[in-house]
Amino acid sequence: QDYTWEDHGYSLINRLYPDVGQLLDEKFQVVYNLTYNTMAMHCGVDTSVLRRAIWNYVHCVFGIRYDDYDYGEVNQLLERNLKIYIKTVACYPERTTKQIYCQFWRHFKHSEKVHINLLLLEARMQAALLYAL
């Protein structure tokens, strides 16, 4: 059975430490929903599918998989260099270099790359909390 933040983690952390679940959930939602609706030079883009793929890939790296998600999306949306970057930052942050950062999404703005960092770090935190709880 899936053990998810929405169904299990949120309520359990609120029982253990009141009001923290709400604060963490708001933090996860703000980062997850953050978008300028742009990708590189294209405006008006729905980035929700990409954000979901990044979030679920980070969870997958830590062994959390969801039955209702098609992981084929991850392979379609995330290029190899982006996957390497995500795995490096999430699992081995001390190995992150400027070279790895510059190798993915070469035509994208730095603000979009920073958003990727925010997404992956919050997804990593949520994965760690799910294991701890």
N, C-alpha and C. Protein backbone atom coordinates (compact mmCIF):
# COMPACT_ATOMS: atom_id res chain seq x y z
N GLN A 1 0.84 -1.18 0.00
CA GLN A 1 0.00 0.00 0.00
C GLN A 1 0.88 1.24 0.00
N ASP A 2 0.46 2.24 -0.74
CA ASP A 2 1.21 3.49 -0.79
C ASP A 2 1.14 4.20 0.56
N TYR A 3 2.28 4.69 0.98
CA TYR A 3 2.36 5.53 2.18
C TYR A 3 2.72 6.91 1.67
N THR A 4 1.76 7.81 1.63
CA THR A 4 1.98 9.12 1.04
C THR A 4 1.95 10.21 2.10
N TRP A 5 2.52 11.34 1.74
CA TRP A 5 2.48 12.49 2.63
C TRP A 5 1.04 12.95 2.86
N GLU A 6 0.28 13.04 1.77
CA GLU A 6 -1.08 13.56 1.86
C GLU A 6 -1.97 12.67 2.72
N ASP A 7 -1.84 11.36 2.58
CA ASP A 7 -2.74 10.43 3.28
C ASP A 7 -2.25 10.03 4.66
N HIS A 8 -0.95 9.95 4.86
CA HIS A 8 -0.45 9.40 6.11
C HIS A 8 0.55 10.30 6.84
N GLY A 9 1.56 10.78 6.14
CA GLY A 9 2.63 11.56 6.76
C GLY A 9 2.14 12.83 7.44
N TYR A 10 1.28 13.56 6.74
CA TYR A 10 0.76 14.83 7.27
C TYR A 10 0.04 14.63 8.60
N SER A 11 -0.87 13.68 8.65
CA SER A 11 -1.64 13.49 9.88
C SER A 11 -0.77 12.93 11.01
N LEU A 12 0.18 12.05 10.68
CA LEU A 12 1.03 11.48 11.72
C LEU A 12 1.94 12.54 12.33
N ILE A 13 2.53 13.38 11.51
CA ILE A 13 3.41 14.42 12.07
C ILE A 13 2.61 15.43 12.89
N ASN A 14 1.37 15.69 12.50
CA ASN A 14 0.53 16.59 13.29
C ASN A 14 0.19 16.00 14.65
N ARG A 15 0.04 14.69 14.70
CA ARG A 15 -0.21 14.04 16.00
C ARG A 15 1.03 14.09 16.89
N LEU A 16 2.21 13.93 16.29
CA LEU A 16 3.44 13.92 17.06
C LEU A 16 3.89 15.32 17.45
N TYR A 17 3.68 16.28 16.57
CA TYR A 17 4.14 17.64 16.79
C TYR A 17 3.12 18.59 16.17
N PRO A 18 2.10 18.99 16.94
CA PRO A 18 0.99 19.77 16.40
C PRO A 18 1.43 21.01 15.61
N ASP A 19 0.72 21.29 14.55
CA ASP A 19 0.88 22.44 13.66
C ASP A 19 2.09 22.35 12.73
N VAL A 20 3.03 21.45 12.96
CA VAL A 20 4.18 21.32 12.08
C VAL A 20 3.76 20.74 10.73
N GLY A 21 2.83 19.81 10.75
CA GLY A 21 2.34 19.22 9.51
C GLY A 21 1.80 20.27 8.56
N GLN A 22 1.04 21.20 9.09
CA GLN A 22 0.47 22.28 8.28
C GLN A 22 1.57 23.16 7.68
N LEU A 23 2.56 23.51 8.49
CA LEU A 23 3.66 24.34 8.01
C LEU A 23 4.47 23.64 6.92
N LEU A 24 4.77 22.37 7.14
CA LEU A 24 5.51 21.61 6.13
C LEU A 24 4.70 21.44 4.85
N ASP A 25 3.42 21.14 5.00
CA ASP A 25 2.57 20.96 3.83
C ASP A 25 2.48 22.24 3.01
N GLU A 26 2.34 23.36 3.67
CA GLU A 26 2.31 24.65 2.96
C GLU A 26 3.62 24.89 2.23
N LYS A 27 4.73 24.57 2.86
CA LYS A 27 6.04 24.74 2.24
C LYS A 27 6.17 23.86 1.00
N PHE A 28 5.76 22.60 1.11
CA PHE A 28 5.81 21.69 -0.04
C PHE A 28 4.92 22.19 -1.17
N GLN A 29 3.72 22.66 -0.84
CA GLN A 29 2.77 23.12 -1.85
C GLN A 29 3.26 24.39 -2.55
N VAL A 30 3.83 25.31 -1.81
CA VAL A 30 4.33 26.54 -2.41
C VAL A 30 5.40 26.23 -3.44
N VAL A 31 6.35 25.39 -3.07
CA VAL A 31 7.44 25.06 -4.01
C VAL A 31 6.91 24.24 -5.18
N TYR A 32 6.04 23.28 -4.91
CA TYR A 32 5.50 22.42 -5.96
C TYR A 32 4.69 23.21 -6.99
N ASN A 33 3.95 24.21 -6.53
CA ASN A 33 3.08 24.99 -7.41
C ASN A 33 3.75 26.24 -7.99
N LEU A 34 4.99 26.51 -7.60
CA LEU A 34 5.70 27.68 -8.08
C LEU A 34 5.99 27.55 -9.58
N THR A 35 5.55 28.53 -10.35
CA THR A 35 5.82 28.52 -11.79
C THR A 35 5.63 29.91 -12.37
N TYR A 36 6.40 30.18 -13.42
CA TYR A 36 6.21 31.40 -14.20
C TYR A 36 5.49 31.06 -15.50
N ASN A 37 5.13 29.80 -15.67
CA ASN A 37 4.52 29.30 -16.91
C ASN A 37 5.40 29.57 -18.12
N THR A 38 6.70 29.46 -17.92
CA THR A 38 7.65 29.60 -19.02
C THR A 38 8.64 28.44 -19.00
N MET A 39 9.16 28.14 -20.18
CA MET A 39 10.24 27.17 -20.31
C MET A 39 11.18 27.71 -21.37
N ALA A 40 12.38 28.08 -20.93
CA ALA A 40 13.37 28.70 -21.82
C ALA A 40 12.75 29.95 -22.45
N MET A 41 12.52 29.93 -23.75
CA MET A 41 12.00 31.12 -24.44
C MET A 41 10.50 31.03 -24.71
N HIS A 42 9.84 30.00 -24.21
CA HIS A 42 8.41 29.80 -24.47
C HIS A 42 7.59 30.27 -23.28
N CYS A 43 6.56 31.04 -23.55
CA CYS A 43 5.69 31.56 -22.51
C CYS A 43 4.34 30.83 -22.56
N GLY A 44 3.61 30.87 -21.46
CA GLY A 44 2.29 30.27 -21.41
C GLY A 44 2.32 28.75 -21.40
N VAL A 45 3.34 28.17 -20.82
CA VAL A 45 3.53 26.72 -20.81
C VAL A 45 3.01 26.15 -19.49
N ASP A 46 2.24 25.07 -19.57
CA ASP A 46 1.80 24.38 -18.36
C ASP A 46 2.94 23.47 -17.91
N THR A 47 3.58 23.82 -16.81
CA THR A 47 4.75 23.08 -16.33
C THR A 47 4.40 22.04 -15.27
N SER A 48 3.12 21.84 -15.01
CA SER A 48 2.73 20.93 -13.94
C SER A 48 3.19 19.49 -14.18
N VAL A 49 3.16 19.04 -15.43
CA VAL A 49 3.58 17.68 -15.74
C VAL A 49 5.08 17.52 -15.47
N LEU A 50 5.86 18.52 -15.84
CA LEU A 50 7.30 18.49 -15.60
C LEU A 50 7.61 18.53 -14.10
N ARG A 51 6.93 19.40 -13.39
CA ARG A 51 7.15 19.49 -11.94
C ARG A 51 6.81 18.18 -11.25
N ARG A 52 5.71 17.55 -11.66
CA ARG A 52 5.32 16.25 -11.09
C ARG A 52 6.37 15.19 -11.41
N ALA A 53 6.91 15.21 -12.64
CA ALA A 53 7.93 14.23 -13.03
C ALA A 53 9.19 14.39 -12.18
N ILE A 54 9.61 15.62 -11.95
CA ILE A 54 10.80 15.86 -11.12
C ILE A 54 10.55 15.39 -9.70
N TRP A 55 9.41 15.75 -9.13
CA TRP A 55 9.06 15.38 -7.76
C TRP A 55 9.04 13.85 -7.62
N ASN A 56 8.38 13.17 -8.55
CA ASN A 56 8.27 11.72 -8.47
C ASN A 56 9.60 11.03 -8.76
N TYR A 57 10.45 11.63 -9.60
CA TYR A 57 11.77 11.04 -9.84
C TYR A 57 12.62 11.10 -8.59
N VAL A 58 12.58 12.21 -7.88
CA VAL A 58 13.32 12.32 -6.62
C VAL A 58 12.83 11.26 -5.64
N HIS A 59 11.53 11.11 -5.52
CA HIS A 59 10.99 10.08 -4.63
C HIS A 59 11.44 8.69 -5.08
N CYS A 60 11.44 8.47 -6.40
CA CYS A 60 11.86 7.18 -6.95
C CYS A 60 13.32 6.88 -6.61
N VAL A 61 14.17 7.89 -6.68
CA VAL A 61 15.58 7.73 -6.33
C VAL A 61 15.72 7.22 -4.90
N PHE A 62 14.82 7.63 -4.03
CA PHE A 62 14.86 7.21 -2.63
C PHE A 62 13.97 6.00 -2.35
N GLY A 63 13.50 5.34 -3.41
CA GLY A 63 12.77 4.09 -3.25
C GLY A 63 11.28 4.24 -3.02
N ILE A 64 10.74 5.42 -3.22
CA ILE A 64 9.30 5.64 -3.05
C ILE A 64 8.68 5.71 -4.44
N ARG A 65 7.81 4.77 -4.74
CA ARG A 65 7.14 4.73 -6.05
C ARG A 65 5.64 4.69 -5.83
N TYR A 66 4.92 5.32 -6.75
CA TYR A 66 3.47 5.40 -6.65
C TYR A 66 2.83 4.59 -7.79
N ASP A 67 1.88 3.74 -7.43
CA ASP A 67 1.22 2.88 -8.41
C ASP A 67 0.43 3.66 -9.45
N ASP A 68 -0.09 4.83 -9.06
CA ASP A 68 -0.95 5.58 -9.96
C ASP A 68 -0.18 6.58 -10.84
N TYR A 69 1.13 6.51 -10.86
CA TYR A 69 1.93 7.42 -11.69
C TYR A 69 2.64 6.63 -12.79
N ASP A 70 2.60 7.16 -14.00
CA ASP A 70 3.26 6.53 -15.14
C ASP A 70 4.71 7.03 -15.20
N TYR A 71 5.64 6.20 -14.80
CA TYR A 71 7.05 6.59 -14.76
C TYR A 71 7.67 6.73 -16.14
N GLY A 72 6.93 6.38 -17.18
CA GLY A 72 7.37 6.65 -18.55
C GLY A 72 7.48 8.14 -18.79
N GLU A 73 6.66 8.93 -18.08
CA GLU A 73 6.72 10.39 -18.17
C GLU A 73 8.10 10.90 -17.77
N VAL A 74 8.67 10.29 -16.74
CA VAL A 74 9.98 10.72 -16.26
C VAL A 74 11.00 10.59 -17.38
N ASN A 75 11.00 9.45 -18.08
CA ASN A 75 11.96 9.24 -19.16
C ASN A 75 11.70 10.15 -20.35
N GLN A 76 10.45 10.51 -20.59
CA GLN A 76 10.12 11.41 -21.69
C GLN A 76 10.49 12.85 -21.39
N LEU A 77 10.31 13.28 -20.16
CA LEU A 77 10.45 14.69 -19.82
C LEU A 77 11.82 15.08 -19.28
N LEU A 78 12.51 14.14 -18.64
CA LEU A 78 13.78 14.48 -18.01
C LEU A 78 14.93 13.91 -18.81
N GLU A 79 15.71 14.79 -19.39
CA GLU A 79 16.88 14.35 -20.15
C GLU A 79 17.91 13.73 -19.21
N ARG A 80 18.82 12.99 -19.79
CA ARG A 80 19.81 12.25 -19.00
C ARG A 80 20.63 13.18 -18.09
N ASN A 81 21.10 14.31 -18.62
CA ASN A 81 21.91 15.24 -17.81
C ASN A 81 21.12 15.82 -16.64
N LEU A 82 19.83 16.05 -16.83
CA LEU A 82 19.00 16.54 -15.74
C LEU A 82 18.85 15.46 -14.67
N LYS A 83 18.65 14.22 -15.08
CA LYS A 83 18.55 13.12 -14.11
C LYS A 83 19.85 12.98 -13.31
N ILE A 84 20.97 13.10 -13.99
CA ILE A 84 22.26 13.02 -13.30
C ILE A 84 22.37 14.15 -12.28
N TYR A 85 21.98 15.36 -12.69
CA TYR A 85 22.04 16.50 -11.78
C TYR A 85 21.13 16.28 -10.57
N ILE A 86 19.90 15.85 -10.82
CA ILE A 86 18.95 15.64 -9.73
C ILE A 86 19.48 14.60 -8.75
N LYS A 87 19.96 13.49 -9.26
CA LYS A 87 20.47 12.42 -8.39
C LYS A 87 21.70 12.89 -7.61
N THR A 88 22.57 13.65 -8.26
CA THR A 88 23.76 14.15 -7.57
C THR A 88 23.39 15.09 -6.44
N VAL A 89 22.52 16.05 -6.72
CA VAL A 89 22.14 17.03 -5.70
C VAL A 89 21.37 16.36 -4.56
N ALA A 90 20.48 15.45 -4.90
CA ALA A 90 19.65 14.81 -3.88
C ALA A 90 20.43 13.81 -3.03
N CYS A 91 21.32 13.06 -3.65
CA CYS A 91 22.01 11.98 -2.93
C CYS A 91 23.43 12.34 -2.49
N TYR A 92 24.13 13.10 -3.31
CA TYR A 92 25.53 13.43 -3.03
C TYR A 92 25.77 14.92 -3.24
N PRO A 93 25.16 15.77 -2.43
CA PRO A 93 25.27 17.22 -2.67
C PRO A 93 26.70 17.73 -2.66
N GLU A 94 27.59 17.06 -1.94
CA GLU A 94 28.98 17.51 -1.90
C GLU A 94 29.70 17.30 -3.23
N ARG A 95 29.15 16.48 -4.12
CA ARG A 95 29.74 16.23 -5.43
C ARG A 95 29.19 17.15 -6.51
N THR A 96 28.28 18.02 -6.17
CA THR A 96 27.68 18.93 -7.15
C THR A 96 28.72 19.96 -7.59
N THR A 97 28.84 20.11 -8.89
CA THR A 97 29.80 21.06 -9.44
C THR A 97 29.10 22.01 -10.42
N LYS A 98 29.78 23.07 -10.74
CA LYS A 98 29.25 24.02 -11.72
C LYS A 98 29.11 23.35 -13.08
N GLN A 99 30.01 22.44 -13.39
CA GLN A 99 29.96 21.73 -14.66
C GLN A 99 28.67 20.91 -14.79
N ILE A 100 28.30 20.20 -13.73
CA ILE A 100 27.07 19.41 -13.76
C ILE A 100 25.86 20.34 -13.90
N TYR A 101 25.92 21.47 -13.19
CA TYR A 101 24.84 22.45 -13.26
C TYR A 101 24.68 23.02 -14.67
N CYS A 102 25.79 23.28 -15.32
CA CYS A 102 25.74 23.88 -16.66
C CYS A 102 25.40 22.89 -17.77
N GLN A 103 25.50 21.59 -17.51
CA GLN A 103 25.27 20.59 -18.55
C GLN A 103 23.80 20.34 -18.85
N PHE A 104 22.89 20.64 -17.94
CA PHE A 104 21.49 20.40 -18.23
C PHE A 104 20.79 21.71 -18.57
N TRP A 105 19.82 21.60 -19.46
CA TRP A 105 18.98 22.73 -19.86
C TRP A 105 19.80 23.97 -20.19
N ARG A 106 20.64 23.89 -21.17
CA ARG A 106 21.56 24.97 -21.51
C ARG A 106 20.86 26.27 -21.92
N HIS A 107 19.65 26.19 -22.47
CA HIS A 107 18.96 27.39 -22.95
C HIS A 107 17.97 27.95 -21.93
N PHE A 108 17.96 27.39 -20.75
CA PHE A 108 17.02 27.83 -19.73
C PHE A 108 17.64 28.91 -18.85
N LYS A 109 16.77 29.71 -18.26
CA LYS A 109 17.22 30.77 -17.36
C LYS A 109 17.71 30.16 -16.05
N HIS A 110 18.56 30.90 -15.36
CA HIS A 110 19.04 30.42 -14.06
C HIS A 110 17.89 30.32 -13.05
N SER A 111 16.91 31.20 -13.16
CA SER A 111 15.77 31.15 -12.24
C SER A 111 15.01 29.84 -12.41
N GLU A 112 14.95 29.31 -13.63
CA GLU A 112 14.28 28.03 -13.86
C GLU A 112 15.10 26.89 -13.27
N LYS A 113 16.41 26.99 -13.36
CA LYS A 113 17.27 25.98 -12.76
C LYS A 113 17.21 26.04 -11.24
N VAL A 114 17.10 27.23 -10.69
CA VAL A 114 16.95 27.37 -9.24
C VAL A 114 15.64 26.73 -8.79
N HIS A 115 14.60 26.89 -9.59
CA HIS A 115 13.33 26.25 -9.26
C HIS A 115 13.47 24.74 -9.23
N ILE A 116 14.25 24.18 -10.14
CA ILE A 116 14.52 22.74 -10.13
C ILE A 116 15.17 22.36 -8.80
N ASN A 117 16.13 23.17 -8.35
CA ASN A 117 16.77 22.89 -7.06
C ASN A 117 15.77 22.93 -5.91
N LEU A 118 14.91 23.92 -5.91
CA LEU A 118 13.90 24.00 -4.85
C LEU A 118 12.99 22.77 -4.87
N LEU A 119 12.55 22.40 -6.07
CA LEU A 119 11.69 21.22 -6.20
C LEU A 119 12.37 19.97 -5.68
N LEU A 120 13.59 19.74 -6.11
CA LEU A 120 14.24 18.50 -5.73
C LEU A 120 14.60 18.46 -4.26
N LEU A 121 14.96 19.58 -3.67
CA LEU A 121 15.28 19.59 -2.25
C LEU A 121 14.04 19.40 -1.38
N GLU A 122 12.93 19.99 -1.78
CA GLU A 122 11.69 19.79 -1.01
C GLU A 122 11.17 18.36 -1.18
N ALA A 123 11.29 17.81 -2.39
CA ALA A 123 10.88 16.42 -2.61
C ALA A 123 11.75 15.48 -1.80
N ARG A 124 13.04 15.80 -1.72
CA ARG A 124 13.95 14.99 -0.92
C ARG A 124 13.58 15.04 0.56
N MET A 125 13.27 16.25 1.02
CA MET A 125 12.86 16.40 2.43
C MET A 125 11.60 15.61 2.72
N GLN A 126 10.64 15.67 1.79
CA GLN A 126 9.40 14.93 1.98
C GLN A 126 9.67 13.42 1.99
N ALA A 127 10.54 12.96 1.12
CA ALA A 127 10.89 11.52 1.08
C ALA A 127 11.54 11.11 2.40
N ALA A 128 12.44 11.93 2.92
CA ALA A 128 13.10 11.62 4.19
C ALA A 128 12.08 11.59 5.33
N LEU A 129 11.15 12.52 5.32
CA LEU A 129 10.10 12.53 6.35
C LEU A 129 9.22 11.28 6.26
N LEU A 130 8.89 10.87 5.05
CA LEU A 130 8.07 9.66 4.89
C LEU A 130 8.79 8.45 5.47
N TYR A 131 10.09 8.34 5.23
CA TYR A 131 10.85 7.23 5.82
C TYR A 131 10.90 7.35 7.33
N ALA A 132 11.12 8.54 7.85
CA ALA A 132 11.22 8.73 9.29
C ALA A 132 9.91 8.46 10.00
N LEU A 133 8.82 8.81 9.36
CA LEU A 133 7.51 8.62 9.99
C LEU A 133 7.02 7.20 9.82
